[in-house]
Amino acid sequence: MEALHTYFEHGGYPVMFSILATLLISMVIVVERAYRLWMVYDLVNSEGFMAMVQKMVMNNSIENAIRLCKKARPKLLPYVLAEGLKRSNDSSQEIQNAVDHAILSAAPKVNKTVGFLATTANVATLLGLLGTIFGLMRSFSAVAKATGAQKQVLLAEGIAEALNATSFGLSVALFCLFTYGVLQAKQGALNEDIQKNAAKLIDLLYTRKMKLKSRA
């Protein structure tokens, strides 16, 4: 605790606490987004789920397929599929429109707030540099009043102390950028999975419609 107190004191309390606040905000975003993307929105076995929906659709059990999708909520893929299945007896364009609207409704839930981590990374870096500038200003001010060998000692100590803010700011920025990359990759995978299976559903409903017409 004493070392942490000294570290913050040398870096300058206003700047160091500002960087700490940036870190805490970033951590809240990361935890919330990780929980939503991995635990709430992602359907782990999407291929198996899609196979069950396909089987029900080809057996003309649309209502059962819709019920299956409703049971899997709040996963986003079942929500998109359910919106398309509800329009299974409509025209292909109406089915496409329903699925597109569902995808557009789901996208903001996936993409929410992650981009803010890029901002917090920049803010942490700039705050670290600002702390360094303040530290150097204090150092040179102290050196100006010193005499002889004291100047070199005070200057070296002042520069070392000033770099505390930069090191802390850069560490926070690295954390923000790394988690930003991880979360963005997960977002892309989730969006791609939804769009791919939504396209499969549209093709599946079209095939079903053609089969029913040929039988009639």
C-alpha atoms as a PDB file:
ATOM      1  CA  MET A   1       0.000   0.000   0.000  1.00  0.00           C
ATOM      2  CA  GLU A   2       2.896   2.320   0.825  1.00  0.00           C
ATOM      3  CA  ALA A   3       4.491   1.623  -2.570  1.00  0.00           C
ATOM      4  CA  LEU A   4       1.212   2.412  -4.332  1.00  0.00           C
ATOM      5  CA  HIS A   5       0.883   5.640  -2.373  1.00  0.00           C
ATOM      6  CA  THR A   6       4.419   6.645  -3.358  1.00  0.00           C
ATOM      7  CA  TYR A   7       3.813   5.681  -6.997  1.00  0.00           C
ATOM      8  CA  PHE A   8       0.691   7.869  -7.169  1.00  0.00           C
ATOM      9  CA  GLU A   9       2.378  10.712  -5.303  1.00  0.00           C
ATOM     10  CA  HIS A  10       5.309  10.776  -7.707  1.00  0.00           C
ATOM     11  CA  GLY A  11       3.047  10.649 -10.733  1.00  0.00           C
ATOM     12  CA  GLY A  12       0.848  13.449  -9.444  1.00  0.00           C
ATOM     13  CA  TYR A  13      -2.437  12.667  -7.718  1.00  0.00           C
ATOM     14  CA  PRO A  14      -4.789  14.518 -10.130  1.00  0.00           C
ATOM     15  CA  VAL A  15      -3.370  12.827 -13.225  1.00  0.00           C
ATOM     16  CA  MET A  16      -2.893   9.387 -11.645  1.00  0.00           C
ATOM     17  CA  PHE A  17      -6.433   9.299 -10.280  1.00  0.00           C
ATOM     18  CA  SER A  18      -7.749  10.445 -13.672  1.00  0.00           C
ATOM     19  CA  ILE A  19      -5.951   7.511 -15.324  1.00  0.00           C
ATOM     20  CA  LEU A  20      -7.283   5.188 -12.608  1.00  0.00           C
ATOM     21  CA  ALA A  21     -10.836   6.426 -13.300  1.00  0.00           C
ATOM     22  CA  THR A  22     -10.270   5.744 -17.023  1.00  0.00           C
ATOM     23  CA  LEU A  23      -9.136   2.215 -16.159  1.00  0.00           C
ATOM     24  CA  LEU A  24     -12.190   1.557 -13.983  1.00  0.00           C
ATOM     25  CA  ILE A  25     -14.570   2.790 -16.700  1.00  0.00           C
ATOM     26  CA  SER A  26     -12.821   0.563 -19.240  1.00  0.00           C
ATOM     27  CA  MET A  27     -13.019  -2.461 -16.948  1.00  0.00           C
ATOM     28  CA  VAL A  28     -16.759  -1.956 -16.436  1.00  0.00           C
ATOM     29  CA  ILE A  29     -17.260  -1.845 -20.223  1.00  0.00           C
ATOM     30  CA  VAL A  30     -15.103  -4.930 -20.768  1.00  0.00           C
ATOM     31  CA  VAL A  31     -16.855  -7.016 -18.104  1.00  0.00           C
ATOM     32  CA  GLU A  32     -20.346  -5.994 -19.255  1.00  0.00           C
ATOM     33  CA  ARG A  33     -19.598  -6.579 -22.947  1.00  0.00           C
ATOM     34  CA  ALA A  34     -17.816  -9.892 -22.324  1.00  0.00           C
ATOM     35  CA  TYR A  35     -20.770 -11.161 -20.304  1.00  0.00           C
ATOM     36  CA  ARG A  36     -23.289 -10.065 -22.953  1.00  0.00           C
ATOM     37  CA  LEU A  37     -21.357 -11.320 -25.977  1.00  0.00           C
ATOM     38  CA  TRP A  38     -20.279 -14.693 -24.573  1.00  0.00           C
ATOM     39  CA  MET A  39     -22.999 -15.571 -22.070  1.00  0.00           C
ATOM     40  CA  VAL A  40     -26.196 -13.801 -23.173  1.00  0.00           C
ATOM     41  CA  TYR A  41     -26.171 -13.246 -26.948  1.00  0.00           C
ATOM     42  CA  ASP A  42     -23.971 -16.034 -28.341  1.00  0.00           C
ATOM     43  CA  LEU A  43     -25.512 -19.383 -29.286  1.00  0.00           C
ATOM     44  CA  VAL A  44     -22.641 -21.814 -28.838  1.00  0.00           C
ATOM     45  CA  ASN A  45     -23.919 -24.651 -31.030  1.00  0.00           C
ATOM     46  CA  SER A  46     -25.501 -22.565 -33.774  1.00  0.00           C
ATOM     47  CA  GLU A  47     -24.980 -25.274 -36.404  1.00  0.00           C
ATOM     48  CA  GLY A  48     -26.829 -27.861 -34.338  1.00  0.00           C
ATOM     49  CA  PHE A  49     -29.613 -25.397 -33.590  1.00  0.00           C
ATOM     50  CA  MET A  50     -29.937 -24.533 -37.275  1.00  0.00           C
ATOM     51  CA  ALA A  51     -30.111 -28.239 -38.147  1.00  0.00           C
ATOM     52  CA  MET A  52     -33.074 -28.677 -35.770  1.00  0.00           C
ATOM     53  CA  VAL A  53     -34.837 -25.650 -37.280  1.00  0.00           C
ATOM     54  CA  GLN A  54     -34.207 -26.995 -40.783  1.00  0.00           C
ATOM     55  CA  LYS A  55     -35.672 -30.370 -39.891  1.00  0.00           C
ATOM     56  CA  MET A  56     -38.811 -28.774 -38.467  1.00  0.00           C
ATOM     57  CA  VAL A  57     -39.257 -26.451 -41.449  1.00  0.00           C
ATOM     58  CA  MET A  58     -38.924 -29.263 -43.986  1.00  0.00           C
ATOM     59  CA  ASN A  59     -41.465 -31.281 -41.952  1.00  0.00           C
ATOM     60  CA  ASN A  60     -43.824 -28.289 -42.104  1.00  0.00           C
ATOM     61  CA  SER A  61     -43.612 -27.805 -38.314  1.00  0.00           C
ATOM     62  CA  ILE A  62     -43.189 -24.030 -38.452  1.00  0.00           C
ATOM     63  CA  GLU A  63     -44.915 -23.461 -35.102  1.00  0.00           C
ATOM     64  CA  ASN A  64     -42.578 -25.916 -33.387  1.00  0.00           C
ATOM     65  CA  ALA A  65     -39.594 -24.142 -34.951  1.00  0.00           C
ATOM     66  CA  ILE A  66     -40.862 -20.782 -33.663  1.00  0.00           C
ATOM     67  CA  ARG A  67     -41.354 -22.230 -30.173  1.00  0.00           C
ATOM     68  CA  LEU A  68     -37.821 -23.641 -30.257  1.00  0.00           C
ATOM     69  CA  CYS A  69     -36.457 -20.203 -31.142  1.00  0.00           C
ATOM     70  CA  LYS A  70     -38.452 -18.510 -28.382  1.00  0.00           C
ATOM     71  CA  LYS A  71     -37.105 -20.948 -25.793  1.00  0.00           C
ATOM     72  CA  ALA A  72     -33.533 -20.032 -26.792  1.00  0.00           C
ATOM     73  CA  ARG A  73     -33.931 -16.293 -26.163  1.00  0.00           C
ATOM     74  CA  PRO A  74     -32.231 -13.926 -25.325  1.00  0.00           C
ATOM     75  CA  LYS A  75     -29.768 -15.469 -27.772  1.00  0.00           C
ATOM     76  CA  LEU A  76     -29.789 -13.255 -30.862  1.00  0.00           C
ATOM     77  CA  LEU A  77     -29.712 -15.874 -33.630  1.00  0.00           C
ATOM     78  CA  PRO A  78     -32.978 -17.551 -32.490  1.00  0.00           C
ATOM     79  CA  TYR A  79     -34.613 -14.108 -32.319  1.00  0.00           C
ATOM     80  CA  VAL A  80     -33.664 -13.376 -35.954  1.00  0.00           C
ATOM     81  CA  LEU A  81     -34.768 -16.830 -37.106  1.00  0.00           C
ATOM     82  CA  ALA A  82     -38.104 -16.527 -35.292  1.00  0.00           C
ATOM     83  CA  GLU A  83     -38.865 -13.245 -37.071  1.00  0.00           C
ATOM     84  CA  GLY A  84     -38.307 -14.941 -40.422  1.00  0.00           C
ATOM     85  CA  LEU A  85     -40.290 -18.048 -39.489  1.00  0.00           C
ATOM     86  CA  LYS A  86     -43.302 -15.930 -38.509  1.00  0.00           C
ATOM     87  CA  ARG A  87     -43.503 -14.770 -42.139  1.00  0.00           C
ATOM     88  CA  SER A  88     -42.949 -18.231 -43.640  1.00  0.00           C
ATOM     89  CA  ASN A  89     -46.245 -18.147 -45.577  1.00  0.00           C
ATOM     90  CA  ASP A  90     -45.607 -14.686 -47.019  1.00  0.00           C
ATOM     91  CA  SER A  91     -43.694 -13.789 -50.174  1.00  0.00           C
ATOM     92  CA  SER A  92     -39.916 -14.207 -50.397  1.00  0.00           C
ATOM     93  CA  GLN A  93     -39.451 -10.429 -50.313  1.00  0.00           C
ATOM     94  CA  GLU A  94     -41.535 -10.104 -47.153  1.00  0.00           C
ATOM     95  CA  ILE A  95     -39.524 -12.863 -45.484  1.00  0.00           C
ATOM     96  CA  GLN A  96     -36.306 -11.110 -46.527  1.00  0.00           C
ATOM     97  CA  ASN A  97     -37.558  -7.798 -45.149  1.00  0.00           C
ATOM     98  CA  ALA A  98     -38.542  -9.383 -41.824  1.00  0.00           C
ATOM     99  CA  VAL A  99     -35.135 -11.043 -41.431  1.00  0.00           C
ATOM    100  CA  ASP A 100     -33.269  -7.858 -42.426  1.00  0.00           C
ATOM    101  CA  HIS A 101     -35.262  -5.852 -39.888  1.00  0.00           C
ATOM    102  CA  ALA A 102     -34.486  -8.422 -37.171  1.00  0.00           C
ATOM    103  CA  ILE A 103     -30.757  -8.300 -38.009  1.00  0.00           C
ATOM    104  CA  LEU A 104     -30.794  -4.496 -37.836  1.00  0.00           C
ATOM    105  CA  SER A 105     -32.534  -4.718 -34.443  1.00  0.00           C
ATOM    106  CA  ALA A 106     -29.948  -7.193 -33.123  1.00  0.00           C
ATOM    107  CA  ALA A 107     -26.845  -5.395 -34.424  1.00  0.00           C
ATOM    108  CA  PRO A 108     -26.874  -2.495 -31.906  1.00  0.00           C
ATOM    109  CA  LYS A 109     -26.984  -4.989 -29.018  1.00  0.00           C
ATOM    110  CA  VAL A 110     -23.826  -6.647 -30.363  1.00  0.00           C
ATOM    111  CA  ASN A 111     -21.916  -3.465 -31.259  1.00  0.00           C
ATOM    112  CA  LYS A 112     -22.852  -1.377 -28.224  1.00  0.00           C
ATOM    113  CA  THR A 113     -20.114   0.620 -26.345  1.00  0.00           C
ATOM    114  CA  VAL A 114     -17.093  -1.456 -27.472  1.00  0.00           C
ATOM    115  CA  GLY A 115     -15.846   1.405 -29.637  1.00  0.00           C
ATOM    116  CA  PHE A 116     -15.549   3.555 -26.500  1.00  0.00           C
ATOM    117  CA  LEU A 117     -12.526   1.468 -25.444  1.00  0.00           C
ATOM    118  CA  ALA A 118     -10.529   3.040 -28.279  1.00  0.00           C
ATOM    119  CA  THR A 119     -11.364   6.426 -26.762  1.00  0.00           C
ATOM    120  CA  THR A 120     -10.345   5.404 -23.236  1.00  0.00           C
ATOM    121  CA  ALA A 121      -7.034   4.079 -24.618  1.00  0.00           C
ATOM    122  CA  ASN A 122      -6.279   7.474 -26.186  1.00  0.00           C
ATOM    123  CA  VAL A 123      -7.394   9.330 -23.061  1.00  0.00           C
ATOM    124  CA  ALA A 124      -5.138   7.192 -20.821  1.00  0.00           C
ATOM    125  CA  THR A 125      -2.144   7.804 -23.112  1.00  0.00           C
ATOM    126  CA  LEU A 126      -2.700  11.560 -23.208  1.00  0.00           C
ATOM    127  CA  LEU A 127      -3.236  11.755 -19.455  1.00  0.00           C
ATOM    128  CA  GLY A 128       0.066   9.900 -18.951  1.00  0.00           C
ATOM    129  CA  LEU A 129       1.874  12.388 -21.182  1.00  0.00           C
ATOM    130  CA  LEU A 130       0.191  15.274 -19.379  1.00  0.00           C
ATOM    131  CA  GLY A 131       1.412  13.868 -16.054  1.00  0.00           C
ATOM    132  CA  THR A 132       4.937  13.658 -17.451  1.00  0.00           C
ATOM    133  CA  ILE A 133       4.823  17.289 -18.562  1.00  0.00           C
ATOM    134  CA  PHE A 134       3.585  18.398 -15.150  1.00  0.00           C
ATOM    135  CA  GLY A 135       6.317  16.336 -13.479  1.00  0.00           C
ATOM    136  CA  LEU A 136       9.031  17.837 -15.674  1.00  0.00           C
ATOM    137  CA  MET A 137       7.728  21.321 -14.982  1.00  0.00           C
ATOM    138  CA  ARG A 138       8.014  20.665 -11.251  1.00  0.00           C
ATOM    139  CA  SER A 139      11.502  19.177 -11.751  1.00  0.00           C
ATOM    140  CA  PHE A 140      12.904  22.094 -13.677  1.00  0.00           C
ATOM    141  CA  SER A 141      11.327  24.504 -11.223  1.00  0.00           C
ATOM    142  CA  ALA A 142      13.108  22.724  -8.361  1.00  0.00           C
ATOM    143  CA  VAL A 143      16.415  22.567 -10.291  1.00  0.00           C
ATOM    144  CA  ALA A 144      16.276  26.311 -10.964  1.00  0.00           C
ATOM    145  CA  LYS A 145      16.394  26.953  -7.229  1.00  0.00           C
ATOM    146  CA  ALA A 146      19.157  24.393  -6.499  1.00  0.00           C
ATOM    147  CA  THR A 147      22.921  24.903  -6.639  1.00  0.00           C
ATOM    148  CA  GLY A 148      25.921  22.766  -7.633  1.00  0.00           C
ATOM    149  CA  ALA A 149      25.629  18.961  -7.631  1.00  0.00           C
ATOM    150  CA  GLN A 150      22.107  19.156  -6.269  1.00  0.00           C
ATOM    151  CA  LYS A 151      20.840  20.143  -9.722  1.00  0.00           C
ATOM    152  CA  GLN A 152      21.790  16.830 -11.358  1.00  0.00           C
ATOM    153  CA  VAL A 153      20.320  14.792  -8.499  1.00  0.00           C
ATOM    154  CA  LEU A 154      17.058  16.729  -8.471  1.00  0.00           C
ATOM    155  CA  LEU A 155      16.753  16.591 -12.260  1.00  0.00           C
ATOM    156  CA  ALA A 156      17.306  12.805 -12.395  1.00  0.00           C
ATOM    157  CA  GLU A 157      14.835  12.192  -9.569  1.00  0.00           C
ATOM    158  CA  GLY A 158      12.285  14.523 -11.122  1.00  0.00           C
ATOM    159  CA  ILE A 159      12.427  12.851 -14.538  1.00  0.00           C
ATOM    160  CA  ALA A 160      12.104   9.394 -12.970  1.00  0.00           C
ATOM    161  CA  GLU A 161       9.090  10.553 -10.985  1.00  0.00           C
ATOM    162  CA  ALA A 162       7.518  12.231 -14.016  1.00  0.00           C
ATOM    163  CA  LEU A 163       7.665   8.979 -15.995  1.00  0.00           C
ATOM    164  CA  ASN A 164       5.400   7.239 -13.464  1.00  0.00           C
ATOM    165  CA  ALA A 165       2.360   8.892 -15.014  1.00  0.00           C
ATOM    166  CA  THR A 166       3.435   7.870 -18.523  1.00  0.00           C
ATOM    167  CA  SER A 167       4.039   4.252 -17.523  1.00  0.00           C
ATOM    168  CA  PHE A 168       0.641   4.028 -15.821  1.00  0.00           C
ATOM    169  CA  GLY A 169      -1.146   5.726 -18.729  1.00  0.00           C
ATOM    170  CA  LEU A 170       0.478   3.454 -21.318  1.00  0.00           C
ATOM    171  CA  SER A 171      -0.318   0.336 -19.260  1.00  0.00           C
ATOM    172  CA  VAL A 172      -3.997   1.312 -19.129  1.00  0.00           C
ATOM    173  CA  ALA A 173      -3.958   2.128 -22.856  1.00  0.00           C
ATOM    174  CA  LEU A 174      -2.496  -1.309 -23.665  1.00  0.00           C
ATOM    175  CA  PHE A 175      -5.207  -2.999 -21.613  1.00  0.00           C
ATOM    176  CA  CYS A 176      -7.908  -0.999 -23.404  1.00  0.00           C
ATOM    177  CA  LEU A 177      -6.526  -1.713 -26.881  1.00  0.00           C
ATOM    178  CA  PHE A 178      -6.079  -5.446 -26.226  1.00  0.00           C
ATOM    179  CA  THR A 179      -9.588  -5.920 -24.861  1.00  0.00           C
ATOM    180  CA  TYR A 180     -10.964  -3.730 -27.667  1.00  0.00           C
ATOM    181  CA  GLY A 181      -9.412  -6.093 -30.218  1.00  0.00           C
ATOM    182  CA  VAL A 182     -10.742  -9.203 -28.476  1.00  0.00           C
ATOM    183  CA  LEU A 183     -14.270  -7.816 -28.155  1.00  0.00           C
ATOM    184  CA  GLN A 184     -14.290  -6.574 -31.752  1.00  0.00           C
ATOM    185  CA  ALA A 185     -13.295 -10.038 -32.979  1.00  0.00           C
ATOM    186  CA  LYS A 186     -16.154 -11.568 -30.983  1.00  0.00           C
ATOM    187  CA  GLN A 187     -18.575  -8.980 -32.361  1.00  0.00           C
ATOM    188  CA  GLY A 188     -17.540  -9.811 -35.918  1.00  0.00           C
ATOM    189  CA  ALA A 189     -17.917 -13.560 -35.347  1.00  0.00           C
ATOM    190  CA  LEU A 190     -21.355 -13.113 -33.779  1.00  0.00           C
ATOM    191  CA  ASN A 191     -22.624 -10.839 -36.564  1.00  0.00           C
ATOM    192  CA  GLU A 192     -21.265 -13.186 -39.224  1.00  0.00           C
ATOM    193  CA  ASP A 193     -22.942 -16.199 -37.608  1.00  0.00           C
ATOM    194  CA  ILE A 194     -26.296 -14.399 -37.483  1.00  0.00           C
ATOM    195  CA  GLN A 195     -26.119 -13.249 -41.098  1.00  0.00           C
ATOM    196  CA  LYS A 196     -24.967 -16.639 -42.387  1.00  0.00           C
ATOM    197  CA  ASN A 197     -27.758 -18.580 -40.675  1.00  0.00           C
ATOM    198  CA  ALA A 198     -30.359 -15.950 -41.534  1.00  0.00           C
ATOM    199  CA  ALA A 199     -29.449 -16.393 -45.211  1.00  0.00           C
ATOM    200  CA  LYS A 200     -29.782 -20.167 -44.784  1.00  0.00           C
ATOM    201  CA  LEU A 201     -33.249 -19.721 -43.306  1.00  0.00           C
ATOM    202  CA  ILE A 202     -34.408 -17.529 -46.213  1.00  0.00           C
ATOM    203  CA  ASP A 203     -33.186 -20.138 -48.698  1.00  0.00           C
ATOM    204  CA  LEU A 204     -34.807 -22.895 -46.630  1.00  0.00           C
ATOM    205  CA  LEU A 205     -38.199 -21.168 -46.532  1.00  0.00           C
ATOM    206  CA  TYR A 206     -38.018 -20.521 -50.276  1.00  0.00           C
ATOM    207  CA  THR A 207     -37.264 -24.226 -50.913  1.00  0.00           C
ATOM    208  CA  ARG A 208     -40.200 -25.204 -48.701  1.00  0.00           C
ATOM    209  CA  LYS A 209     -42.503 -22.830 -50.553  1.00  0.00           C
ATOM    210  CA  MET A 210     -41.468 -24.293 -53.927  1.00  0.00           C
ATOM    211  CA  LYS A 211     -42.082 -27.838 -52.689  1.00  0.00           C
ATOM    212  CA  LEU A 212     -45.555 -26.923 -51.444  1.00  0.00           C
ATOM    213  CA  LYS A 213     -46.357 -25.323 -54.797  1.00  0.00           C
ATOM    214  CA  SER A 214     -45.179 -28.386 -56.726  1.00  0.00           C
ATOM    215  CA  ARG A 215     -47.345 -30.644 -54.565  1.00  0.00           C
ATOM    216  CA  ALA A 216     -50.364 -28.399 -55.047  1.00  0.00           C
END
